[in-house]
Protein backbone atom coordinates (compact mmCIF):
# COMPACT_ATOMS: atom_id res chain seq x y z
CA UNK A 1 0.00 0.00 0.00
CA UNK A 2 1.02 3.59 -0.66
CA UNK A 3 0.04 5.64 2.34
CA UNK A 4 0.41 9.31 3.24
CA UNK A 5 -0.16 11.27 6.44
CA UNK A 6 -1.77 14.70 6.46
CA UNK A 7 -1.90 17.07 9.39
CA UNK A 8 -0.86 20.51 10.62
CA UNK A 9 2.47 21.36 12.26
CA UNK A 10 2.82 19.64 15.67
CA UNK A 11 0.05 17.12 14.91
CA UNK A 12 2.51 14.23 15.30
CA UNK A 13 2.02 12.91 11.77
CA UNK A 14 5.75 12.39 11.21
CA UNK A 15 6.11 10.40 14.43
CA UNK A 16 3.09 8.24 13.63
CA UNK A 17 4.28 7.66 10.07
CA UNK A 18 7.72 6.50 11.19
CA UNK A 19 6.36 4.14 13.84
CA UNK A 20 3.75 2.66 11.52
CA UNK A 21 6.48 2.13 8.92
CA UNK A 22 8.58 0.24 11.47
CA UNK A 23 5.69 -1.98 12.52
CA UNK A 24 4.61 -2.79 8.99
CA UNK A 25 8.16 -3.03 7.58
CA UNK A 26 7.33 -0.40 4.99
CA UNK A 27 9.66 2.25 3.53
CA UNK A 28 9.19 5.61 5.26
CA UNK A 29 9.87 8.84 3.38
CA UNK A 30 9.94 12.32 4.84
CA UNK A 31 9.75 15.18 2.36
CA UNK A 32 11.77 17.44 4.64
CA UNK A 33 14.24 14.58 5.16
CA UNK A 34 14.75 14.31 1.40
CA UNK A 35 15.63 17.98 1.11
CA UNK A 36 17.74 17.94 4.28
CA UNK A 37 19.76 15.03 2.90
CA UNK A 38 20.26 16.86 -0.39
CA UNK A 39 21.40 19.97 1.49
CA UNK A 40 23.85 17.91 3.58
CA UNK A 41 25.31 16.56 0.33
CA UNK A 42 25.87 20.11 -0.88
CA UNK A 43 23.17 20.05 -3.56
CA UNK A 44 21.93 23.53 -4.38
CA UNK A 45 18.24 22.63 -4.65
CA UNK A 46 18.44 20.98 -1.23
CA UNK A 47 19.95 24.10 0.32
CA UNK A 48 17.29 26.28 -1.27
CA UNK A 49 14.50 23.94 -0.15
CA UNK A 50 15.80 23.99 3.42
CA UNK A 51 15.56 27.78 3.44
CA UNK A 52 11.80 27.40 2.96
CA UNK A 53 11.48 24.55 5.45
CA UNK A 54 13.43 26.37 8.15
CA UNK A 55 11.01 29.28 7.78
CA UNK A 56 8.07 26.90 8.17
CA UNK A 57 7.03 27.47 4.56
CA UNK A 58 6.18 24.92 1.85
CA UNK A 59 8.78 24.15 -0.79
CA UNK A 60 7.57 25.50 -4.17
CA UNK A 61 6.01 22.91 -6.48
CA UNK A 62 8.54 23.44 -9.24
CA UNK A 63 11.30 22.53 -6.78
CA UNK A 64 9.54 19.70 -4.94
CA UNK A 65 7.47 17.60 -7.34
CA UNK A 66 10.28 16.10 -9.43
CA UNK A 67 12.37 15.23 -6.38
CA UNK A 68 9.42 13.59 -4.60
CA UNK A 69 8.32 11.49 -7.57
CA UNK A 70 11.87 10.36 -8.28
CA UNK A 71 12.25 9.17 -4.67
CA UNK A 72 8.87 7.40 -4.63
CA UNK A 73 9.89 5.50 -7.77
CA UNK A 74 12.96 3.95 -6.15
CA UNK A 75 13.14 0.11 -5.76
CA UNK A 76 12.57 0.20 -1.98
CA UNK A 77 9.12 1.72 -2.65
CA UNK A 78 8.04 -0.93 -5.17
CA UNK A 79 5.90 -2.78 -2.61
CA UNK A 80 4.54 0.38 -1.00
CA UNK A 81 5.66 3.30 1.10
CA UNK A 82 4.59 5.67 3.86
CA UNK A 83 5.08 9.33 3.00
CA UNK A 84 4.63 12.06 5.59
CA UNK A 85 2.77 14.49 3.31
CA UNK A 86 2.59 16.31 -0.01
CA UNK A 87 2.50 20.06 0.67
CA UNK A 88 -0.57 20.85 -1.43
CA UNK A 89 -3.19 19.46 -3.81
CA UNK A 90 -1.07 20.18 -6.90
CA UNK A 91 1.72 17.96 -5.58
CA UNK A 92 -0.79 15.27 -4.64
CA UNK A 93 -2.25 15.26 -8.15
CA UNK A 94 1.19 15.02 -9.77
CA UNK A 95 2.13 12.08 -7.53
CA UNK A 96 -1.11 10.34 -8.52
CA UNK A 97 -0.40 10.65 -12.26
CA UNK A 98 2.22 7.91 -11.97
CA UNK A 99 0.65 4.50 -11.28
CA UNK A 100 3.74 3.44 -9.32
CA UNK A 101 3.35 6.34 -6.89
CA UNK A 102 -0.44 6.84 -6.82
CA UNK A 103 -1.60 7.08 -3.21
CA UNK A 104 -4.01 4.42 -1.86
CA UNK A 105 -4.96 6.02 1.46
CA UNK A 106 -4.47 9.41 3.12
CA UNK A 107 -4.55 9.48 6.94
CA UNK A 108 -5.60 12.92 8.18
CA UNK A 109 -4.50 13.66 11.77
CA UNK A 110 -6.73 16.26 13.45
CA UNK A 111 -5.72 17.96 16.71
CA UNK A 112 -7.26 21.06 18.39
CA UNK A 113 -5.34 24.25 17.65
CA UNK A 114 -4.64 25.02 21.32
CA UNK A 115 -2.93 21.63 21.65
CA UNK A 116 -0.85 22.22 18.51
CA UNK A 117 0.32 25.58 19.85
CA UNK A 118 1.10 24.15 23.29
CA UNK A 119 3.09 21.27 21.82
CA UNK A 120 5.17 23.53 19.63
CA UNK A 121 5.75 26.21 22.23
CA UNK A 122 6.92 23.56 24.72
CA UNK A 123 9.55 22.12 22.36
CA UNK A 124 13.26 22.78 22.71
CA UNK A 125 16.20 21.41 20.77
CA UNK A 126 19.89 20.78 21.39
CA UNK A 127 22.20 23.27 19.68
CA UNK A 128 24.88 20.59 19.41
CA UNK A 129 23.19 17.33 18.30
CA UNK A 130 19.68 18.47 17.34
CA UNK A 131 17.80 16.19 19.74
CA UNK A 132 14.36 17.61 20.57
CA UNK A 133 12.47 17.57 23.88
CA UNK A 134 9.01 18.60 24.99
CA UNK A 135 9.11 20.38 28.33
CA UNK A 136 5.63 19.07 29.21
CA UNK A 137 5.77 15.46 28.05
CA UNK A 138 9.42 14.50 27.40
CA UNK A 139 11.59 16.95 29.36
CA UNK A 140 15.38 16.65 29.65
CA UNK A 141 16.72 15.19 32.89
CA UNK A 142 18.52 18.45 33.64
CA UNK A 143 16.90 21.77 32.77
CA UNK A 144 18.46 23.41 29.72
CA UNK A 145 20.91 20.54 29.08
CA UNK A 146 20.72 17.75 26.48
CA UNK A 147 20.60 14.22 27.92
CA UNK A 148 22.68 12.84 25.04
CA UNK A 149 25.57 15.27 24.63
CA UNK A 150 25.25 17.88 27.40
CA UNK A 151 24.65 20.51 24.73
CA UNK A 152 22.65 23.67 25.39
CA UNK A 153 18.92 23.51 24.73
CA UNK A 154 17.10 26.35 22.98
CA UNK A 155 13.75 27.18 21.41
CA UNK A 156 13.85 27.32 17.62
CA UNK A 157 12.42 30.43 16.00
CA UNK A 158 9.56 28.53 14.32
CA UNK A 159 8.53 27.00 17.67
CA UNK A 160 7.66 30.38 19.18
CA UNK A 161 3.93 30.87 19.67
CA UNK A 162 3.52 33.71 17.18
CA UNK A 163 5.35 31.71 14.48
CA UNK A 164 3.25 28.61 15.17
CA UNK A 165 0.03 30.59 14.73
CA UNK A 166 1.25 31.85 11.34
CA UNK A 167 2.24 28.34 10.23
CA UNK A 168 -1.14 26.93 11.25
CA UNK A 169 -2.97 29.60 9.26
CA UNK A 170 -0.81 28.88 6.21
CA UNK A 171 -1.50 25.18 6.62
CA UNK A 172 -5.26 25.71 6.76
CA UNK A 173 -5.15 27.59 3.45
CA UNK A 174 -3.41 24.79 1.57
CA UNK A 175 -4.85 21.84 3.52
CA UNK A 176 -8.48 22.44 2.52
CA UNK A 177 -7.99 21.60 -1.17
CA UNK A 178 -5.60 18.77 -0.27
CA UNK A 179 -8.07 17.07 2.08
CA UNK A 180 -10.91 17.67 -0.38
CA UNK A 181 -8.91 16.01 -3.17
CA UNK A 182 -8.49 12.76 -1.23
CA UNK A 183 -12.02 12.92 0.17
CA UNK A 184 -13.54 13.26 -3.31
CA UNK A 185 -11.66 10.15 -4.42
CA UNK A 186 -12.73 8.15 -1.33
CA UNK A 187 -9.20 7.85 0.04
CA UNK A 188 -9.36 10.03 3.16
CA UNK A 189 -9.35 8.46 6.64
CA UNK A 190 -9.52 10.49 9.87
CA UNK A 191 -7.49 10.01 13.07
CA UNK A 192 -8.72 12.36 15.80
CA UNK A 193 -7.21 13.67 19.01
CA UNK A 194 -9.71 13.07 21.84
CA UNK A 195 -9.35 14.60 25.31
CA UNK A 196 -11.08 11.51 26.73
CA UNK A 197 -7.91 9.56 25.90
CA UNK A 198 -5.67 11.71 28.12
CA UNK A 199 -4.59 9.56 31.10
CA UNK A 200 -5.21 10.82 34.62
CA UNK A 201 -2.56 13.40 35.50
CA UNK A 202 -1.47 13.65 31.87
CA UNK A 203 -1.42 16.64 29.53
CA UNK A 204 -1.79 15.00 26.11
CA UNK A 205 -3.08 11.87 24.37
CA UNK A 206 -0.36 9.16 24.43
CA UNK A 207 1.32 8.50 21.10
CA UNK A 208 0.38 4.83 21.27
CA UNK A 209 -3.34 5.68 21.47
CA UNK A 210 -3.08 7.71 18.28
CA UNK A 211 -1.08 4.99 16.56
CA UNK A 212 -3.71 2.42 17.55
CA UNK A 213 -6.31 4.43 15.64
CA UNK A 214 -4.12 4.25 12.54
CA UNK A 215 -3.47 0.53 12.94
CA UNK A 216 -7.20 -0.08 13.35
CA UNK A 217 -7.80 1.70 10.03
CA UNK A 218 -5.11 -0.36 8.30
CA UNK A 219 -6.46 -3.58 9.76
CA UNK A 220 -9.92 -2.65 8.51
CA UNK A 221 -8.54 -1.98 5.07
CA UNK A 222 -6.61 -5.26 5.28
CA UNK A 223 -3.81 -3.86 3.18
CA UNK A 224 -0.97 -4.17 5.64
CA UNK A 225 0.29 -7.22 7.45
CA UNK A 226 0.08 -6.16 11.10
CA UNK A 227 3.24 -7.07 13.00
């Protein structure tokens, strides 16, 4: 199966996609990871793409579509893949034009805006190794210090509340047509954040509870072998 995850910034879609890929032994592809790898290899289009990503903005179609389709056509995707998200409906349509990359199911992760803002605003990262922490749910053992390398922790510019609000508004503008595209072709499935799933004394729905919703969908569709 060829599966994608949709969802706003801080919805957890990347985390769910990676864990589902591990459980189903399916190739996982992150669009931002593709561009980051290209940038690390000194490729100019990768560097340019990362400028957009670091600002929390979508990579332009003319820069993204060819790279995405080429990656989805690689041999390790022949039996299916899990892709974290196309940025807009135009990219989704281009991916669908190729039978080898046409998406079977889109999982749309919905989370209340106040939770998305809280998650993002509570995140810090290590200046040295890049490890991220959430001060509410996965805090470092020592305040301001990375558990892995003792590096200094800081809040990235795009994790500040005002930046998150801008990114969410931008996402809403492009997500409507994207969700509608998959809905109109009967390929959209919903995974919803529910406050009733927050454990006593907790502040958020556990990752495993969200993943279970996805696995239940896949089991219903009977397209993945559940491990």
